[in-house]
PDB file of N, CA and C in Angstrom:
ATOM      1  N   MET A   1      17.341  12.940 -25.197  1.00  0.00           N
ATOM      2  CA  MET A   1      17.471  12.898 -23.751  1.00  0.00           C
ATOM      3  C   MET A   1      16.086  12.693 -23.143  1.00  0.00           C
ATOM      4  N   ARG A   2      15.980  11.732 -22.252  1.00  0.00           N
ATOM      5  CA  ARG A   2      14.709  11.481 -21.569  1.00  0.00           C
ATOM      6  C   ARG A   2      14.531  12.492 -20.435  1.00  0.00           C
ATOM      7  N   VAL A   3      13.336  13.070 -20.404  1.00  0.00           N
ATOM      8  CA  VAL A   3      12.991  14.072 -19.391  1.00  0.00           C
ATOM      9  C   VAL A   3      11.797  13.557 -18.600  1.00  0.00           C
ATOM     10  N   SER A   4      11.839  13.780 -17.299  1.00  0.00           N
ATOM     11  CA  SER A   4      10.747  13.375 -16.423  1.00  0.00           C
ATOM     12  C   SER A   4      10.436  14.502 -15.444  1.00  0.00           C
ATOM     13  N   VAL A   5       9.170  14.680 -15.142  1.00  0.00           N
ATOM     14  CA  VAL A   5       8.739  15.641 -14.126  1.00  0.00           C
ATOM     15  C   VAL A   5       8.558  14.888 -12.815  1.00  0.00           C
ATOM     16  N   ALA A   6       9.103  15.441 -11.736  1.00  0.00           N
ATOM     17  CA  ALA A   6       8.884  14.914 -10.388  1.00  0.00           C
ATOM     18  C   ALA A   6       7.977  15.908  -9.669  1.00  0.00           C
ATOM     19  N   LEU A   7       6.715  15.550  -9.515  1.00  0.00           N
ATOM     20  CA  LEU A   7       5.743  16.437  -8.892  1.00  0.00           C
ATOM     21  C   LEU A   7       5.773  16.255  -7.381  1.00  0.00           C
ATOM     22  N   PHE A   8       6.211  17.291  -6.693  1.00  0.00           N
ATOM     23  CA  PHE A   8       6.230  17.278  -5.232  1.00  0.00           C
ATOM     24  C   PHE A   8       4.848  17.669  -4.728  1.00  0.00           C
ATOM     25  N   THR A   9       4.386  16.953  -3.711  1.00  0.00           N
ATOM     26  CA  THR A   9       3.100  17.287  -3.097  1.00  0.00           C
ATOM     27  C   THR A   9       3.339  17.526  -1.611  1.00  0.00           C
ATOM     28  N   ALA A  10       3.047  16.556  -0.772  1.00  0.00           N
ATOM     29  CA  ALA A  10       3.216  16.742   0.670  1.00  0.00           C
ATOM     30  C   ALA A  10       4.631  16.448   1.146  1.00  0.00           C
ATOM     31  N   ASP A  11       5.364  15.642   0.417  1.00  0.00           N
ATOM     32  CA  ASP A  11       6.706  15.218   0.821  1.00  0.00           C
ATOM     33  C   ASP A  11       7.738  16.117   0.147  1.00  0.00           C
ATOM     34  N   LEU A  12       8.250  17.089   0.882  1.00  0.00           N
ATOM     35  CA  LEU A  12       9.168  18.074   0.302  1.00  0.00           C
ATOM     36  C   LEU A  12      10.621  17.803   0.655  1.00  0.00           C
ATOM     37  N   ARG A  13      10.931  16.545   0.949  1.00  0.00           N
ATOM     38  CA  ARG A  13      12.323  16.173   1.231  1.00  0.00           C
ATOM     39  C   ARG A  13      13.015  15.773  -0.064  1.00  0.00           C
ATOM     40  N   VAL A  14      14.334  15.874  -0.068  1.00  0.00           N
ATOM     41  CA  VAL A  14      15.119  15.448  -1.225  1.00  0.00           C
ATOM     42  C   VAL A  14      15.839  14.142  -0.936  1.00  0.00           C
ATOM     43  N   HIS A  15      16.407  14.009   0.250  1.00  0.00           N
ATOM     44  CA  HIS A  15      17.343  12.913   0.529  1.00  0.00           C
ATOM     45  C   HIS A  15      16.732  11.520   0.406  1.00  0.00           C
ATOM     46  N   ASP A  16      15.447  11.354   0.641  1.00  0.00           N
ATOM     47  CA  ASP A  16      14.845  10.021   0.539  1.00  0.00           C
ATOM     48  C   ASP A  16      13.468  10.063  -0.117  1.00  0.00           C
ATOM     49  N   ASN A  17      13.298  10.962  -1.058  1.00  0.00           N
ATOM     50  CA  ASN A  17      12.005  11.144  -1.699  1.00  0.00           C
ATOM     51  C   ASN A  17      11.800  10.093  -2.797  1.00  0.00           C
ATOM     52  N   PRO A  18      10.800   9.218  -2.663  1.00  0.00           N
ATOM     53  CA  PRO A  18      10.608   8.155  -3.650  1.00  0.00           C
ATOM     54  C   PRO A  18      10.230   8.668  -5.041  1.00  0.00           C
ATOM     55  N   VAL A  19       9.505   9.772  -5.104  1.00  0.00           N
ATOM     56  CA  VAL A  19       9.128  10.344  -6.400  1.00  0.00           C
ATOM     57  C   VAL A  19      10.369  10.838  -7.136  1.00  0.00           C
ATOM     58  N   LEU A  20      11.203  11.582  -6.447  1.00  0.00           N
ATOM     59  CA  LEU A  20      12.427  12.095  -7.062  1.00  0.00           C
ATOM     60  C   LEU A  20      13.352  10.945  -7.447  1.00  0.00           C
ATOM     61  N   ARG A  21      13.461   9.972  -6.580  1.00  0.00           N
ATOM     62  CA  ARG A  21      14.324   8.813  -6.853  1.00  0.00           C
ATOM     63  C   ARG A  21      13.863   8.071  -8.111  1.00  0.00           C
ATOM     64  N   ALA A  22      12.555   7.860  -8.247  1.00  0.00           N
ATOM     65  CA  ALA A  22      12.020   7.166  -9.423  1.00  0.00           C
ATOM     66  C   ALA A  22      12.269   7.969 -10.696  1.00  0.00           C
ATOM     67  N   ALA A  23      12.083   9.276 -10.624  1.00  0.00           N
ATOM     68  CA  ALA A  23      12.317  10.122 -11.800  1.00  0.00           C
ATOM     69  C   ALA A  23      13.784  10.099 -12.203  1.00  0.00           C
ATOM     70  N   LEU A  24      14.676  10.137 -11.223  1.00  0.00           N
ATOM     71  CA  LEU A  24      16.116  10.117 -11.512  1.00  0.00           C
ATOM     72  C   LEU A  24      16.556   8.788 -12.121  1.00  0.00           C
ATOM     73  N   ARG A  25      15.919   7.706 -11.726  1.00  0.00           N
ATOM     74  CA  ARG A  25      16.257   6.394 -12.306  1.00  0.00           C
ATOM     75  C   ARG A  25      15.841   6.307 -13.767  1.00  0.00           C
ATOM     76  N   GLU A  26      14.793   7.015 -14.122  1.00  0.00           N
ATOM     77  CA  GLU A  26      14.197   6.863 -15.439  1.00  0.00           C
ATOM     78  C   GLU A  26      14.704   7.852 -16.483  1.00  0.00           C
ATOM     79  N   ALA A  27      15.140   9.007 -16.074  1.00  0.00           N
ATOM     80  CA  ALA A  27      15.439  10.060 -17.046  1.00  0.00           C
ATOM     81  C   ALA A  27      16.805  10.688 -16.800  1.00  0.00           C
ATOM     82  N   GLU A  28      17.346  11.247 -17.862  1.00  0.00           N
ATOM     83  CA  GLU A  28      18.615  11.968 -17.750  1.00  0.00           C
ATOM     84  C   GLU A  28      18.403  13.370 -17.180  1.00  0.00           C
ATOM     85  N   ARG A  29      17.214  13.919 -17.403  1.00  0.00           N
ATOM     86  CA  ARG A  29      16.895  15.260 -16.886  1.00  0.00           C
ATOM     87  C   ARG A  29      15.586  15.167 -16.113  1.00  0.00           C
ATOM     88  N   VAL A  30      15.608  15.696 -14.902  1.00  0.00           N
ATOM     89  CA  VAL A  30      14.411  15.695 -14.057  1.00  0.00           C
ATOM     90  C   VAL A  30      14.010  17.138 -13.775  1.00  0.00           C
ATOM     91  N   VAL A  31      12.721  17.403 -13.915  1.00  0.00           N
ATOM     92  CA  VAL A  31      12.170  18.724 -13.630  1.00  0.00           C
ATOM     93  C   VAL A  31      11.371  18.622 -12.332  1.00  0.00           C
ATOM     94  N   PRO A  32      11.935  19.084 -11.212  1.00  0.00           N
ATOM     95  CA  PRO A  32      11.193  19.075  -9.947  1.00  0.00           C
ATOM     96  C   PRO A  32      10.115  20.166  -9.977  1.00  0.00           C
ATOM     97  N   LEU A  33       8.893  19.805  -9.645  1.00  0.00           N
ATOM     98  CA  LEU A  33       7.762  20.723  -9.776  1.00  0.00           C
ATOM     99  C   LEU A  33       6.911  20.710  -8.519  1.00  0.00           C
ATOM    100  N   PHE A  34       6.470  21.897  -8.117  1.00  0.00           N
ATOM    101  CA  PHE A  34       5.454  22.031  -7.081  1.00  0.00           C
ATOM    102  C   PHE A  34       4.404  22.976  -7.624  1.00  0.00           C
ATOM    103  N   VAL A  35       3.139  22.588  -7.510  1.00  0.00           N
ATOM    104  CA  VAL A  35       2.045  23.437  -7.974  1.00  0.00           C
ATOM    105  C   VAL A  35       1.254  23.915  -6.767  1.00  0.00           C
ATOM    106  N   VAL A  36       1.194  25.227  -6.611  1.00  0.00           N
ATOM    107  CA  VAL A  36       0.367  25.828  -5.568  1.00  0.00           C
ATOM    108  C   VAL A  36      -1.055  25.823  -6.114  1.00  0.00           C
ATOM    109  N   ASP A  37      -1.850  24.917  -5.610  1.00  0.00           N
ATOM    110  CA  ASP A  37      -3.211  24.720  -6.094  1.00  0.00           C
ATOM    111  C   ASP A  37      -4.073  25.916  -5.706  1.00  0.00           C
ATOM    112  N   THR A  38      -4.715  26.526  -6.693  1.00  0.00           N
ATOM    113  CA  THR A  38      -5.561  27.684  -6.409  1.00  0.00           C
ATOM    114  C   THR A  38      -6.747  27.309  -5.526  1.00  0.00           C
ATOM    115  N   GLY A  39      -7.096  26.040  -5.457  1.00  0.00           N
ATOM    116  CA  GLY A  39      -8.175  25.594  -4.585  1.00  0.00           C
ATOM    117  C   GLY A  39      -7.809  25.626  -3.116  1.00  0.00           C
ATOM    118  N   ILE A  40      -6.526  25.775  -2.810  1.00  0.00           N
ATOM    119  CA  ILE A  40      -6.078  25.799  -1.411  1.00  0.00           C
ATOM    120  C   ILE A  40      -6.715  26.954  -0.640  1.00  0.00           C
ATOM    121  N   SER A  41      -6.922  28.074  -1.304  1.00  0.00           N
ATOM    122  CA  SER A  41      -7.472  29.235  -0.599  1.00  0.00           C
ATOM    123  C   SER A  41      -8.869  28.943  -0.051  1.00  0.00           C
ATOM    124  N   ARG A  42      -9.570  27.998  -0.659  1.00  0.00           N
ATOM    125  CA  ARG A  42     -10.915  27.652  -0.180  1.00  0.00           C
ATOM    126  C   ARG A  42     -10.884  26.646   0.966  1.00  0.00           C
ATOM    127  N   THR A  43      -9.731  26.068   1.262  1.00  0.00           N
ATOM    128  CA  THR A  43      -9.653  25.037   2.299  1.00  0.00           C
ATOM    129  C   THR A  43      -9.207  25.574   3.650  1.00  0.00           C
ATOM    130  N   GLY A  44      -8.821  26.827   3.694  1.00  0.00           N
ATOM    131  CA  GLY A  44      -8.323  27.388   4.941  1.00  0.00           C
ATOM    132  C   GLY A  44      -6.821  27.275   5.085  1.00  0.00           C
ATOM    133  N   PHE A  45      -6.155  26.668   4.100  1.00  0.00           N
ATOM    134  CA  PHE A  45      -4.705  26.504   4.197  1.00  0.00           C
ATOM    135  C   PHE A  45      -3.970  27.813   3.944  1.00  0.00           C
ATOM    136  N   ALA A  46      -4.590  28.726   3.234  1.00  0.00           N
ATOM    137  CA  ALA A  46      -3.895  29.943   2.826  1.00  0.00           C
ATOM    138  C   ALA A  46      -3.850  31.017   3.913  1.00  0.00           C
ATOM    139  N   VAL A  47      -4.020  30.649   5.170  1.00  0.00           N
ATOM    140  CA  VAL A  47      -3.867  31.624   6.247  1.00  0.00           C
ATOM    141  C   VAL A  47      -2.388  31.988   6.358  1.00  0.00           C
ATOM    142  N   PRO A  48      -2.066  33.171   6.879  1.00  0.00           N
ATOM    143  CA  PRO A  48      -0.675  33.652   6.847  1.00  0.00           C
ATOM    144  C   PRO A  48       0.374  32.686   7.400  1.00  0.00           C
ATOM    145  N   ASN A  49       0.134  32.071   8.552  1.00  0.00           N
ATOM    146  CA  ASN A  49       1.153  31.177   9.124  1.00  0.00           C
ATOM    147  C   ASN A  49       1.411  29.970   8.241  1.00  0.00           C
ATOM    148  N   ARG A  50       0.350  29.376   7.729  1.00  0.00           N
ATOM    149  CA  ARG A  50       0.511  28.201   6.863  1.00  0.00           C
ATOM    150  C   ARG A  50       1.158  28.585   5.540  1.00  0.00           C
ATOM    151  N   ALA A  51       0.766  29.723   4.999  1.00  0.00           N
ATOM    152  CA  ALA A  51       1.361  30.181   3.740  1.00  0.00           C
ATOM    153  C   ALA A  51       2.853  30.450   3.927  1.00  0.00           C
ATOM    154  N   ALA A  52       3.224  31.034   5.057  1.00  0.00           N
ATOM    155  CA  ALA A  52       4.643  31.297   5.338  1.00  0.00           C
ATOM    156  C   ALA A  52       5.405  29.989   5.511  1.00  0.00           C
ATOM    157  N   PHE A  53       4.787  29.019   6.176  1.00  0.00           N
ATOM    158  CA  PHE A  53       5.422  27.712   6.347  1.00  0.00           C
ATOM    159  C   PHE A  53       5.662  27.047   4.991  1.00  0.00           C
ATOM    160  N   LEU A  54       4.668  27.102   4.116  1.00  0.00           N
ATOM    161  CA  LEU A  54       4.820  26.521   2.781  1.00  0.00           C
ATOM    162  C   LEU A  54       5.922  27.238   2.009  1.00  0.00           C
ATOM    163  N   ALA A  55       5.947  28.563   2.065  1.00  0.00           N
ATOM    164  CA  ALA A  55       6.986  29.326   1.362  1.00  0.00           C
ATOM    165  C   ALA A  55       8.374  28.952   1.872  1.00  0.00           C
ATOM    166  N   ASP A  56       8.525  28.839   3.178  1.00  0.00           N
ATOM    167  CA  ASP A  56       9.818  28.439   3.756  1.00  0.00           C
ATOM    168  C   ASP A  56      10.199  27.023   3.335  1.00  0.00           C
ATOM    169  N   SER A  57       9.229  26.125   3.327  1.00  0.00           N
ATOM    170  CA  SER A  57       9.491  24.738   2.938  1.00  0.00           C
ATOM    171  C   SER A  57       9.906  24.646   1.478  1.00  0.00           C
ATOM    172  N   LEU A  58       9.246  25.412   0.619  1.00  0.00           N
ATOM    173  CA  LEU A  58       9.601  25.406  -0.808  1.00  0.00           C
ATOM    174  C   LEU A  58      10.975  26.020  -1.032  1.00  0.00           C
ATOM    175  N   ALA A  59      11.302  27.059  -0.270  1.00  0.00           N
ATOM    176  CA  ALA A  59      12.641  27.660  -0.380  1.00  0.00           C
ATOM    177  C   ALA A  59      13.707  26.654   0.043  1.00  0.00           C
ATOM    178  N   GLY A  60      13.445  25.914   1.110  1.00  0.00           N
ATOM    179  CA  GLY A  60      14.390  24.886   1.551  1.00  0.00           C
ATOM    180  C   GLY A  60      14.549  23.780   0.527  1.00  0.00           C
ATOM    181  N   LEU A  61      13.443  23.374  -0.087  1.00  0.00           N
ATOM    182  CA  LEU A  61      13.500  22.351  -1.132  1.00  0.00           C
ATOM    183  C   LEU A  61      14.308  22.852  -2.323  1.00  0.00           C
ATOM    184  N   ASP A  62      14.075  24.087  -2.731  1.00  0.00           N
ATOM    185  CA  ASP A  62      14.826  24.647  -3.855  1.00  0.00           C
ATOM    186  C   ASP A  62      16.317  24.716  -3.537  1.00  0.00           C
ATOM    187  N   THR A  63      16.659  25.113  -2.332  1.00  0.00           N
ATOM    188  CA  THR A  63      18.069  25.162  -1.922  1.00  0.00           C
ATOM    189  C   THR A  63      18.705  23.778  -2.005  1.00  0.00           C
ATOM    190  N   ALA A  64      17.991  22.764  -1.518  1.00  0.00           N
ATOM    191  CA  ALA A  64      18.516  21.394  -1.564  1.00  0.00           C
ATOM    192  C   ALA A  64      18.679  20.913  -3.002  1.00  0.00           C
ATOM    193  N   LEU A  65      17.731  21.258  -3.859  1.00  0.00           N
ATOM    194  CA  LEU A  65      17.828  20.859  -5.267  1.00  0.00           C
ATOM    195  C   LEU A  65      18.970  21.587  -5.973  1.00  0.00           C
ATOM    196  N   ARG A  66      19.135  22.870  -5.685  1.00  0.00           N
ATOM    197  CA  ARG A  66      20.226  23.639  -6.306  1.00  0.00           C
ATOM    198  C   ARG A  66      21.591  23.098  -5.884  1.00  0.00           C
ATOM    199  N   ALA A  67      21.703  22.631  -4.651  1.00  0.00           N
ATOM    200  CA  ALA A  67      22.962  22.042  -4.183  1.00  0.00           C
ATOM    201  C   ALA A  67      23.296  20.776  -4.966  1.00  0.00           C
ATOM    202  N   ARG A  68      22.275  20.196  -5.598  1.00  0.00           N
ATOM    203  CA  ARG A  68      22.461  18.975  -6.390  1.00  0.00           C
ATOM    204  C   ARG A  68      22.404  19.262  -7.891  1.00  0.00           C
ATOM    205  N   GLY A  69      22.422  20.541  -8.265  1.00  0.00           N
ATOM    206  CA  GLY A  69      22.449  20.906  -9.680  1.00  0.00           C
ATOM    207  C   GLY A  69      21.093  21.102 -10.330  1.00  0.00           C
ATOM    208  N   GLY A  70      20.035  21.136  -9.545  1.00  0.00           N
ATOM    209  CA  GLY A  70      18.696  21.333 -10.096  1.00  0.00           C
ATOM    210  C   GLY A  70      18.087  22.622  -9.588  1.00  0.00           C
ATOM    211  N   ARG A  71      16.799  22.754  -9.813  1.00  0.00           N
ATOM    212  CA  ARG A  71      16.051  23.883  -9.261  1.00  0.00           C
ATOM    213  C   ARG A  71      14.577  23.526  -9.269  1.00  0.00           C
ATOM    214  N   LEU A  72      13.863  24.071  -8.321  1.00  0.00           N
ATOM    215  CA  LEU A  72      12.439  23.797  -8.199  1.00  0.00           C
ATOM    216  C   LEU A  72      11.647  24.732  -9.104  1.00  0.00           C
ATOM    217  N   VAL A  73      10.745  24.165  -9.881  1.00  0.00           N
ATOM    218  CA  VAL A  73       9.804  24.949 -10.672  1.00  0.00           C
ATOM    219  C   VAL A  73       8.528  25.045  -9.844  1.00  0.00           C
ATOM    220  N   VAL A  74       8.064  26.265  -9.614  1.00  0.00           N
ATOM    221  CA  VAL A  74       6.835  26.474  -8.847  1.00  0.00           C
ATOM    222  C   VAL A  74       5.822  27.148  -9.759  1.00  0.00           C
ATOM    223  N   ARG A  75       4.656  26.559  -9.846  1.00  0.00           N
ATOM    224  CA  ARG A  75       3.562  27.117 -10.632  1.00  0.00           C
ATOM    225  C   ARG A  75       2.350  27.276  -9.728  1.00  0.00           C
ATOM    226  N   THR A  76       1.428  28.115 -10.144  1.00  0.00           N
ATOM    227  CA  THR A  76       0.182  28.318  -9.414  1.00  0.00           C
ATOM    228  C   THR A  76      -0.975  28.045 -10.361  1.00  0.00           C
ATOM    229  N   GLY A  77      -1.946  27.280  -9.892  1.00  0.00           N
ATOM    230  CA  GLY A  77      -3.109  26.959 -10.713  1.00  0.00           C
ATOM    231  C   GLY A  77      -3.612  25.571 -10.402  1.00  0.00           C
ATOM    232  N   ASP A  78      -4.364  25.014 -11.336  1.00  0.00           N
ATOM    233  CA  ASP A  78      -4.856  23.655 -11.202  1.00  0.00           C
ATOM    234  C   ASP A  78      -3.680  22.691 -11.340  1.00  0.00           C
ATOM    235  N   VAL A  79      -3.566  21.757 -10.413  1.00  0.00           N
ATOM    236  CA  VAL A  79      -2.403  20.864 -10.377  1.00  0.00           C
ATOM    237  C   VAL A  79      -2.270  20.067 -11.675  1.00  0.00           C
ATOM    238  N   VAL A  80      -3.362  19.505 -12.150  1.00  0.00           N
ATOM    239  CA  VAL A  80      -3.295  18.689 -13.364  1.00  0.00           C
ATOM    240  C   VAL A  80      -2.925  19.548 -14.569  1.00  0.00           C
ATOM    241  N   GLU A  81      -3.587  20.684 -14.721  1.00  0.00           N
ATOM    242  CA  GLU A  81      -3.301  21.558 -15.864  1.00  0.00           C
ATOM    243  C   GLU A  81      -1.858  22.046 -15.853  1.00  0.00           C
ATOM    244  N   GLU A  82      -1.384  22.495 -14.706  1.00  0.00           N
ATOM    245  CA  GLU A  82      -0.017  23.019 -14.629  1.00  0.00           C
ATOM    246  C   GLU A  82       1.023  21.922 -14.826  1.00  0.00           C
ATOM    247  N   THR A  83       0.751  20.739 -14.296  1.00  0.00           N
ATOM    248  CA  THR A  83       1.688  19.628 -14.482  1.00  0.00           C
ATOM    249  C   THR A  83       1.769  19.251 -15.956  1.00  0.00           C
ATOM    250  N   CYS A  84       0.624  19.174 -16.616  1.00  0.00           N
ATOM    251  CA  CYS A  84       0.617  18.876 -18.054  1.00  0.00           C
ATOM    252  C   CYS A  84       1.334  19.968 -18.841  1.00  0.00           C
ATOM    253  N   ARG A  85       1.148  21.207 -18.446  1.00  0.00           N
ATOM    254  CA  ARG A  85       1.805  22.325 -19.130  1.00  0.00           C
ATOM    255  C   ARG A  85       3.327  22.223 -18.989  1.00  0.00           C
ATOM    256  N   VAL A  86       3.807  21.965 -17.790  1.00  0.00           N
ATOM    257  CA  VAL A  86       5.252  21.843 -17.570  1.00  0.00           C
ATOM    258  C   VAL A  86       5.808  20.643 -18.332  1.00  0.00           C
ATOM    259  N   ALA A  87       5.086  19.537 -18.324  1.00  0.00           N
ATOM    260  CA  ALA A  87       5.535  18.356 -19.070  1.00  0.00           C
ATOM    261  C   ALA A  87       5.653  18.681 -20.556  1.00  0.00           C
ATOM    262  N   ALA A  88       4.680  19.386 -21.100  1.00  0.00           N
ATOM    263  CA  ALA A  88       4.728  19.755 -22.516  1.00  0.00           C
ATOM    264  C   ALA A  88       5.868  20.737 -22.796  1.00  0.00           C
ATOM    265  N   GLU A  89       6.039  21.728 -21.925  1.00  0.00           N
ATOM    266  CA  GLU A  89       7.092  22.736 -22.116  1.00  0.00           C
ATOM    267  C   GLU A  89       8.489  22.132 -22.077  1.00  0.00           C
ATOM    268  N   THR A  90       8.664  21.097 -21.282  1.00  0.00           N
ATOM    269  CA  THR A  90       9.994  20.508 -21.102  1.00  0.00           C
ATOM    270  C   THR A  90      10.218  19.266 -21.948  1.00  0.00           C
ATOM    271  N   GLY A  91       9.174  18.806 -22.619  1.00  0.00           N
ATOM    272  CA  GLY A  91       9.286  17.588 -23.410  1.00  0.00           C
ATOM    273  C   GLY A  91       9.355  16.333 -22.565  1.00  0.00           C
ATOM    274  N   ALA A  92       8.811  16.401 -21.365  1.00  0.00           N
ATOM    275  CA  ALA A  92       8.857  15.247 -20.460  1.00  0.00           C
ATOM    276  C   ALA A  92       7.994  14.112 -20.991  1.00  0.00           C
ATOM    277  N   GLY A  93       8.551  12.921 -20.935  1.00  0.00           N
ATOM    278  CA  GLY A  93       7.808  11.740 -21.342  1.00  0.00           C
ATOM    279  C   GLY A  93       7.048  11.104 -20.202  1.00  0.00           C
ATOM    280  N   THR A  94       7.438  11.419 -18.974  1.00  0.00           N
ATOM    281  CA  THR A  94       6.781  10.846 -17.802  1.00  0.00           C
ATOM    282  C   THR A  94       6.640  11.895 -16.708  1.00  0.00           C
ATOM    283  N   VAL A  95       5.663  11.654 -15.851  1.00  0.00           N
ATOM    284  CA  VAL A  95       5.460  12.465 -14.651  1.00  0.00           C
ATOM    285  C   VAL A  95       5.396  11.498 -13.477  1.00  0.00           C
ATOM    286  N   HIS A  96       6.176  11.758 -12.458  1.00  0.00           N
ATOM    287  CA  HIS A  96       6.168  10.934 -11.248  1.00  0.00           C
ATOM    288  C   HIS A  96       5.502  11.730 -10.134  1.00  0.00           C
ATOM    289  N   VAL A  97       4.583  11.074  -9.432  1.00  0.00           N
ATOM    290  CA  VAL A  97       3.883  11.701  -8.313  1.00  0.00           C
ATOM    291  C   VAL A  97       3.590  10.622  -7.278  1.00  0.00           C
ATOM    292  N   ALA A  98       3.602  11.008  -6.024  1.00  0.00           N
ATOM    293  CA  ALA A  98       3.310  10.060  -4.944  1.00  0.00           C
ATOM    294  C   ALA A  98       1.834   9.700  -4.957  1.00  0.00           C
ATOM    295  N   GLY A  99       1.546   8.467  -4.624  1.00  0.00           N
ATOM    296  CA  GLY A  99       0.165   8.034  -4.507  1.00  0.00           C
ATOM    297  C   GLY A  99      -0.426   8.508  -3.195  1.00  0.00           C
ATOM    298  N   GLY A 100      -1.723   8.494  -3.098  1.00  0.00           N
ATOM    299  CA  GLY A 100      -2.381   8.869  -1.856  1.00  0.00           C
ATOM    300  C   GLY A 100      -2.745  10.335  -1.820  1.00  0.00           C
ATOM    301  N   ALA A 101      -3.396  10.701  -0.747  1.00  0.00           N
ATOM    302  CA  ALA A 101      -3.825  12.092  -0.567  1.00  0.00           C
ATOM    303  C   ALA A 101      -2.641  12.958  -0.204  1.00  0.00           C
ATOM    304  N   SER A 102      -2.678  14.203  -0.660  1.00  0.00           N
ATOM    305  CA  SER A 102      -1.579  15.119  -0.329  1.00  0.00           C
ATOM    306  C   SER A 102      -2.079  16.354   0.363  1.00  0.00           C
TER     307      SER A 102
END
């Protein structure tokens, strides 16, 4: 079975997400992933209101994925390291991520 990781960054929608769509076209099993980058705390993003907004957004994304038979995997750490770790743990052959800054 082909497995692919769909790494969510700034675009946390399901209905028209190009990363998720590409992963679904390529693999029988897709692992939706969001990595809370530990570097965020140094950027000022980790203030309470923004952190609460992110938590609510991730909960909404997980709810939407569960309604479609999936679930969101959330990790904390370096984005590249955690993405590689999840890919290795799941046997994913590909990782899909949106281009550009997130």
